[in-house]
Amino acid sequence: LLWRAIKVTPVASNIILRYGIKMFRKLNCFTYANVAIVLIFILLIFAQANKKFVLDEVDFPAVAKTISETGMPYEYRGETEPKALGLWHPPLYAYSLGSFQKVFGANENMVRAFGMCCTLFSAFLSLLIYYARFKTMGQETDHISTIFLSLFLFHPYTIANTTLPDIDSTVLPITVLAFVYGLVRTLRSGDADAQSEWQT
């Protein structure tokens, strides 16, 4: 459909091509390196994503599966506990994972894919915090993202925790980093207002 639209409307195709070329020229070696790092990280996660859950890894996916089906945070633990309440932590992670499973399916691959998405989003928030704090100071920071992503995403601890279905390595870092980012933006806007008032 997109190809037909481009073929039928030469003006649209010309705009898209010009915009694409312009964006391509703006990319630098650090951008390509960042894309490569993320792709390699995804491959590393999916290379072990289908491993069976063991011990405590079973709990959260089981509760999330029940949430995706019924909306209730219960876990089947045998006939003695057919409806064990699965609220060991605040329910944000269980319901987030349950919503993800409802859309993409409930299996080992999808549970670990959710953790992978959370880790990538945490990395994105970390970079936003850095840029919110230092980008306006006129420093050359293109290489910072590449260094950070390579150190963070390729760290064995990050890879191991990404495949672990638990709140501590998925939703919790996102909430903390989002709070820090909002705080940094608020403080920076406050500094800008104070500076403008001083100049006037």
C-alpha atoms as a PDB file:
ATOM      1  CA  LEU A   1       0.000   0.000   0.000  1.00  0.00           C
ATOM      2  CA  LEU A   2       2.819   2.410   0.861  1.00  0.00           C
ATOM      3  CA  TRP A   3       4.654   1.527  -2.352  1.00  0.00           C
ATOM      4  CA  ARG A   4       1.509   2.176  -4.401  1.00  0.00           C
ATOM      5  CA  ALA A   5       1.023   5.538  -2.728  1.00  0.00           C
ATOM      6  CA  ILE A   6       4.614   6.486  -3.480  1.00  0.00           C
ATOM      7  CA  LYS A   7       4.320   5.258  -7.055  1.00  0.00           C
ATOM      8  CA  VAL A   8       1.049   7.049  -7.716  1.00  0.00           C
ATOM      9  CA  THR A   9       2.086  10.358  -6.149  1.00  0.00           C
ATOM     10  CA  PRO A  10       5.484  11.542  -7.439  1.00  0.00           C
ATOM     11  CA  VAL A  11       5.391  14.585  -5.172  1.00  0.00           C
ATOM     12  CA  ALA A  12       5.040  12.409  -2.067  1.00  0.00           C
ATOM     13  CA  SER A  13       7.793  10.069  -3.244  1.00  0.00           C
ATOM     14  CA  ASN A  14      10.107  13.018  -3.883  1.00  0.00           C
ATOM     15  CA  ILE A  15       9.455  14.409  -0.390  1.00  0.00           C
ATOM     16  CA  ILE A  16      10.003  11.013   1.246  1.00  0.00           C
ATOM     17  CA  LEU A  17      13.235  10.409  -0.668  1.00  0.00           C
ATOM     18  CA  ARG A  18      14.596  13.868   0.081  1.00  0.00           C
ATOM     19  CA  TYR A  19      13.685  13.576   3.747  1.00  0.00           C
ATOM     20  CA  GLY A  20      15.195  10.080   3.944  1.00  0.00           C
ATOM     21  CA  ILE A  21      18.452  11.214   2.344  1.00  0.00           C
ATOM     22  CA  LYS A  22      18.597  14.216   4.659  1.00  0.00           C
ATOM     23  CA  MET A  23      18.101  12.034   7.738  1.00  0.00           C
ATOM     24  CA  PHE A  24      20.655   9.513   6.466  1.00  0.00           C
ATOM     25  CA  ARG A  25      23.269  12.244   6.079  1.00  0.00           C
ATOM     26  CA  LYS A  26      22.667  13.407   9.639  1.00  0.00           C
ATOM     27  CA  LEU A  27      23.541   9.990  11.022  1.00  0.00           C
ATOM     28  CA  ASN A  28      27.091   9.454  12.152  1.00  0.00           C
ATOM     29  CA  CYS A  29      29.230   6.479  13.062  1.00  0.00           C
ATOM     30  CA  PHE A  30      28.039   6.610  16.674  1.00  0.00           C
ATOM     31  CA  THR A  31      24.412   6.209  15.570  1.00  0.00           C
ATOM     32  CA  TYR A  32      25.275   3.135  13.522  1.00  0.00           C
ATOM     33  CA  ALA A  33      27.271   1.762  16.440  1.00  0.00           C
ATOM     34  CA  ASN A  34      24.300   2.279  18.775  1.00  0.00           C
ATOM     35  CA  VAL A  35      21.972   0.432  16.400  1.00  0.00           C
ATOM     36  CA  ALA A  36      24.469  -2.426  16.122  1.00  0.00           C
ATOM     37  CA  ILE A  37      24.830  -2.636  19.916  1.00  0.00           C
ATOM     38  CA  VAL A  38      21.071  -2.810  20.402  1.00  0.00           C
ATOM     39  CA  LEU A  39      20.672  -5.465  17.703  1.00  0.00           C
ATOM     40  CA  ILE A  40      23.438  -7.608  19.199  1.00  0.00           C
ATOM     41  CA  PHE A  41      21.830  -7.234  22.637  1.00  0.00           C
ATOM     42  CA  ILE A  42      18.495  -8.402  21.222  1.00  0.00           C
ATOM     43  CA  LEU A  43      20.176 -11.414  19.646  1.00  0.00           C
ATOM     44  CA  LEU A  44      21.901 -12.274  22.932  1.00  0.00           C
ATOM     45  CA  ILE A  45      18.570 -12.195  24.756  1.00  0.00           C
ATOM     46  CA  PHE A  46      16.620 -14.218  22.209  1.00  0.00           C
ATOM     47  CA  ALA A  47      19.430 -16.775  22.026  1.00  0.00           C
ATOM     48  CA  GLN A  48      18.462 -17.853  25.557  1.00  0.00           C
ATOM     49  CA  ALA A  49      14.867 -16.631  25.756  1.00  0.00           C
ATOM     50  CA  ASN A  50      13.279 -20.053  25.286  1.00  0.00           C
ATOM     51  CA  LYS A  51      14.880 -21.607  28.356  1.00  0.00           C
ATOM     52  CA  LYS A  52      12.399 -23.089  30.818  1.00  0.00           C
ATOM     53  CA  PHE A  53      11.670 -21.184  34.008  1.00  0.00           C
ATOM     54  CA  VAL A  54      13.233 -22.628  37.136  1.00  0.00           C
ATOM     55  CA  LEU A  55      12.464 -22.169  40.847  1.00  0.00           C
ATOM     56  CA  ASP A  56      11.161 -18.663  41.620  1.00  0.00           C
ATOM     57  CA  GLU A  57      11.152 -17.683  37.937  1.00  0.00           C
ATOM     58  CA  VAL A  58       7.825 -19.506  37.591  1.00  0.00           C
ATOM     59  CA  ASP A  59       5.837 -17.281  39.960  1.00  0.00           C
ATOM     60  CA  PHE A  60       5.483 -13.965  38.151  1.00  0.00           C
ATOM     61  CA  PRO A  61       4.832 -15.454  34.681  1.00  0.00           C
ATOM     62  CA  ALA A  62       2.151 -17.723  36.154  1.00  0.00           C
ATOM     63  CA  VAL A  63       0.420 -14.799  37.868  1.00  0.00           C
ATOM     64  CA  ALA A  64       0.750 -12.667  34.742  1.00  0.00           C
ATOM     65  CA  LYS A  65      -0.799 -15.444  32.653  1.00  0.00           C
ATOM     66  CA  THR A  66      -3.808 -15.569  34.984  1.00  0.00           C
ATOM     67  CA  ILE A  67      -4.066 -11.774  34.813  1.00  0.00           C
ATOM     68  CA  SER A  68      -4.031 -11.902  31.019  1.00  0.00           C
ATOM     69  CA  GLU A  69      -6.924 -14.387  31.108  1.00  0.00           C
ATOM     70  CA  THR A  70      -9.048 -13.227  34.044  1.00  0.00           C
ATOM     71  CA  GLY A  71      -7.634  -9.904  35.227  1.00  0.00           C
ATOM     72  CA  MET A  72      -7.060 -11.337  38.713  1.00  0.00           C
ATOM     73  CA  PRO A  73      -3.585 -11.818  40.286  1.00  0.00           C
ATOM     74  CA  TYR A  74      -3.835 -15.482  41.236  1.00  0.00           C
ATOM     75  CA  GLU A  75      -1.443 -18.384  40.767  1.00  0.00           C
ATOM     76  CA  TYR A  76      -2.206 -22.092  40.722  1.00  0.00           C
ATOM     77  CA  ARG A  77       0.050 -23.859  43.232  1.00  0.00           C
ATOM     78  CA  GLY A  78      -1.569 -27.252  43.285  1.00  0.00           C
ATOM     79  CA  GLU A  79      -4.803 -28.481  44.790  1.00  0.00           C
ATOM     80  CA  THR A  80      -3.914 -27.132  48.232  1.00  0.00           C
ATOM     81  CA  GLU A  81      -3.524 -23.592  46.828  1.00  0.00           C
ATOM     82  CA  PRO A  82      -5.507 -23.383  43.588  1.00  0.00           C
ATOM     83  CA  LYS A  83      -5.809 -19.591  43.899  1.00  0.00           C
ATOM     84  CA  ALA A  84      -2.685 -18.381  45.641  1.00  0.00           C
ATOM     85  CA  LEU A  85      -2.583 -14.595  45.712  1.00  0.00           C
ATOM     86  CA  GLY A  86       0.378 -13.368  43.664  1.00  0.00           C
ATOM     87  CA  LEU A  87       0.907  -9.918  45.144  1.00  0.00           C
ATOM     88  CA  TRP A  88       4.419 -10.242  46.576  1.00  0.00           C
ATOM     89  CA  HIS A  89       5.224  -6.735  45.280  1.00  0.00           C
ATOM     90  CA  PRO A  90       3.170  -3.779  44.069  1.00  0.00           C
ATOM     91  CA  PRO A  91       1.120  -5.156  41.159  1.00  0.00           C
ATOM     92  CA  LEU A  92       2.579  -2.895  38.450  1.00  0.00           C
ATOM     93  CA  TYR A  93       4.970  -5.545  37.121  1.00  0.00           C
ATOM     94  CA  ALA A  94       2.492  -8.410  37.226  1.00  0.00           C
ATOM     95  CA  TYR A  95      -0.187  -6.415  35.415  1.00  0.00           C
ATOM     96  CA  SER A  96       2.289  -4.957  32.916  1.00  0.00           C
ATOM     97  CA  LEU A  97       3.564  -8.426  32.089  1.00  0.00           C
ATOM     98  CA  GLY A  98       0.002  -9.732  31.977  1.00  0.00           C
ATOM     99  CA  SER A  99      -0.980  -7.048  29.471  1.00  0.00           C
ATOM    100  CA  PHE A 100       2.093  -7.864  27.389  1.00  0.00           C
ATOM    101  CA  GLN A 101       1.206 -11.562  27.442  1.00  0.00           C
ATOM    102  CA  LYS A 102      -2.368 -10.844  26.454  1.00  0.00           C
ATOM    103  CA  VAL A 103      -1.140  -9.164  23.293  1.00  0.00           C
ATOM    104  CA  PHE A 104       1.887 -11.297  22.384  1.00  0.00           C
ATOM    105  CA  GLY A 105       1.229 -14.611  24.116  1.00  0.00           C
ATOM    106  CA  ALA A 106       2.247 -16.328  27.336  1.00  0.00           C
ATOM    107  CA  ASN A 107       5.498 -18.259  26.956  1.00  0.00           C
ATOM    108  CA  GLU A 108       9.140 -18.038  27.932  1.00  0.00           C
ATOM    109  CA  ASN A 109      10.098 -16.053  24.828  1.00  0.00           C
ATOM    110  CA  MET A 110       7.503 -13.355  25.380  1.00  0.00           C
ATOM    111  CA  VAL A 111       8.188 -13.035  29.111  1.00  0.00           C
ATOM    112  CA  ARG A 112      11.862 -12.448  28.417  1.00  0.00           C
ATOM    113  CA  ALA A 113      11.029 -10.180  25.491  1.00  0.00           C
ATOM    114  CA  PHE A 114       9.140  -8.003  27.975  1.00  0.00           C
ATOM    115  CA  GLY A 115      12.254  -7.853  30.164  1.00  0.00           C
ATOM    116  CA  MET A 116      14.310  -6.949  27.114  1.00  0.00           C
ATOM    117  CA  CYS A 117      11.966  -4.073  26.268  1.00  0.00           C
ATOM    118  CA  CYS A 118      12.183  -2.826  29.857  1.00  0.00           C
ATOM    119  CA  THR A 119      15.988  -2.931  29.794  1.00  0.00           C
ATOM    120  CA  LEU A 120      16.157  -1.020  26.524  1.00  0.00           C
ATOM    121  CA  PHE A 121      13.719   1.561  27.845  1.00  0.00           C
ATOM    122  CA  SER A 122      15.803   1.903  31.009  1.00  0.00           C
ATOM    123  CA  ALA A 123      18.875   2.537  28.859  1.00  0.00           C
ATOM    124  CA  PHE A 124      16.927   5.136  26.897  1.00  0.00           C
ATOM    125  CA  LEU A 125      15.838   6.894  30.092  1.00  0.00           C
ATOM    126  CA  SER A 126      19.409   6.858  31.397  1.00  0.00           C
ATOM    127  CA  LEU A 127      20.598   8.639  28.267  1.00  0.00           C
ATOM    128  CA  LEU A 128      17.737  11.131  28.534  1.00  0.00           C
ATOM    129  CA  ILE A 129      18.856  11.934  32.080  1.00  0.00           C
ATOM    130  CA  TYR A 130      22.418  12.518  30.904  1.00  0.00           C
ATOM    131  CA  TYR A 131      21.393  14.717  27.992  1.00  0.00           C
ATOM    132  CA  ALA A 132      18.926  16.648  30.155  1.00  0.00           C
ATOM    133  CA  ARG A 133      21.748  17.400  32.560  1.00  0.00           C
ATOM    134  CA  PHE A 134      24.707  18.049  30.250  1.00  0.00           C
ATOM    135  CA  LYS A 135      23.550  18.558  26.656  1.00  0.00           C
ATOM    136  CA  THR A 136      22.872  22.269  27.090  1.00  0.00           C
ATOM    137  CA  MET A 137      26.432  22.842  28.325  1.00  0.00           C
ATOM    138  CA  GLY A 138      27.819  22.708  24.769  1.00  0.00           C
ATOM    139  CA  GLN A 139      29.784  19.507  25.226  1.00  0.00           C
ATOM    140  CA  GLU A 140      30.242  16.981  22.432  1.00  0.00           C
ATOM    141  CA  THR A 141      28.255  14.027  23.720  1.00  0.00           C
ATOM    142  CA  ASP A 142      27.594  11.836  20.665  1.00  0.00           C
ATOM    143  CA  HIS A 143      30.091   9.238  21.820  1.00  0.00           C
ATOM    144  CA  ILE A 144      28.597   9.025  25.318  1.00  0.00           C
ATOM    145  CA  SER A 145      25.598   6.997  24.185  1.00  0.00           C
ATOM    146  CA  THR A 146      27.807   4.473  22.401  1.00  0.00           C
ATOM    147  CA  ILE A 147      30.092   4.031  25.392  1.00  0.00           C
ATOM    148  CA  PHE A 148      27.159   3.750  27.785  1.00  0.00           C
ATOM    149  CA  LEU A 149      25.174   1.284  25.659  1.00  0.00           C
ATOM    150  CA  SER A 150      28.171  -0.964  25.082  1.00  0.00           C
ATOM    151  CA  LEU A 151      29.071  -1.047  28.784  1.00  0.00           C
ATOM    152  CA  PHE A 152      25.489  -1.429  29.994  1.00  0.00           C
ATOM    153  CA  LEU A 153      23.860  -3.746  27.445  1.00  0.00           C
ATOM    154  CA  PHE A 154      26.841  -6.080  27.093  1.00  0.00           C
ATOM    155  CA  HIS A 155      27.398  -6.439  30.807  1.00  0.00           C
ATOM    156  CA  PRO A 156      26.720 -10.053  31.925  1.00  0.00           C
ATOM    157  CA  TYR A 157      24.727  -8.779  34.893  1.00  0.00           C
ATOM    158  CA  THR A 158      22.414  -6.810  32.584  1.00  0.00           C
ATOM    159  CA  ILE A 159      21.895  -9.752  30.247  1.00  0.00           C
ATOM    160  CA  ALA A 160      21.246 -12.164  33.120  1.00  0.00           C
ATOM    161  CA  ASN A 161      18.763  -9.828  34.810  1.00  0.00           C
ATOM    162  CA  THR A 162      16.992  -9.057  31.546  1.00  0.00           C
ATOM    163  CA  THR A 163      16.075 -12.725  31.180  1.00  0.00           C
ATOM    164  CA  LEU A 164      14.943 -12.922  34.811  1.00  0.00           C
ATOM    165  CA  PRO A 165      11.171 -12.400  35.197  1.00  0.00           C
ATOM    166  CA  ASP A 166      11.180 -10.124  38.209  1.00  0.00           C
ATOM    167  CA  ILE A 167      10.159  -6.568  39.073  1.00  0.00           C
ATOM    168  CA  ASP A 168      13.627  -5.530  40.265  1.00  0.00           C
ATOM    169  CA  SER A 169      15.205  -5.748  36.812  1.00  0.00           C
ATOM    170  CA  THR A 170      12.270  -4.611  34.665  1.00  0.00           C
ATOM    171  CA  VAL A 171       9.633  -2.167  35.855  1.00  0.00           C
ATOM    172  CA  LEU A 172      11.393  -0.877  38.972  1.00  0.00           C
ATOM    173  CA  PRO A 173      14.375   0.694  37.137  1.00  0.00           C
ATOM    174  CA  ILE A 174      11.965   2.367  34.716  1.00  0.00           C
ATOM    175  CA  THR A 175       9.947   4.001  37.487  1.00  0.00           C
ATOM    176  CA  VAL A 176      13.073   5.184  39.324  1.00  0.00           C
ATOM    177  CA  LEU A 177      14.726   6.530  36.169  1.00  0.00           C
ATOM    178  CA  ALA A 178      11.505   8.231  35.043  1.00  0.00           C
ATOM    179  CA  PHE A 179      11.322   9.972  38.427  1.00  0.00           C
ATOM    180  CA  VAL A 180      14.967  11.072  38.202  1.00  0.00           C
ATOM    181  CA  TYR A 181      14.452  12.341  34.647  1.00  0.00           C
ATOM    182  CA  GLY A 182      11.406  14.351  35.688  1.00  0.00           C
ATOM    183  CA  LEU A 183      13.342  15.742  38.640  1.00  0.00           C
ATOM    184  CA  VAL A 184      16.302  16.764  36.469  1.00  0.00           C
ATOM    185  CA  ARG A 185      14.018  18.445  33.943  1.00  0.00           C
ATOM    186  CA  THR A 186      12.191  20.276  36.711  1.00  0.00           C
ATOM    187  CA  LEU A 187      15.411  21.484  38.313  1.00  0.00           C
ATOM    188  CA  ARG A 188      16.823  22.540  34.963  1.00  0.00           C
ATOM    189  CA  SER A 189      13.713  24.528  34.077  1.00  0.00           C
ATOM    190  CA  GLY A 190      13.866  26.098  37.531  1.00  0.00           C
ATOM    191  CA  ASP A 191      17.495  27.102  36.947  1.00  0.00           C
ATOM    192  CA  ALA A 192      16.563  28.591  33.574  1.00  0.00           C
ATOM    193  CA  ASP A 193      13.747  30.617  35.104  1.00  0.00           C
ATOM    194  CA  ALA A 194      16.041  31.850  37.864  1.00  0.00           C
ATOM    195  CA  GLN A 195      18.693  32.812  35.343  1.00  0.00           C
ATOM    196  CA  SER A 196      16.208  34.700  33.161  1.00  0.00           C
ATOM    197  CA  GLU A 197      14.894  36.574  36.184  1.00  0.00           C
ATOM    198  CA  TRP A 198      18.453  37.500  37.194  1.00  0.00           C
ATOM    199  CA  GLN A 199      19.215  38.777  33.692  1.00  0.00           C
ATOM    200  CA  THR A 200      16.097  40.943  33.640  1.00  0.00           C
END
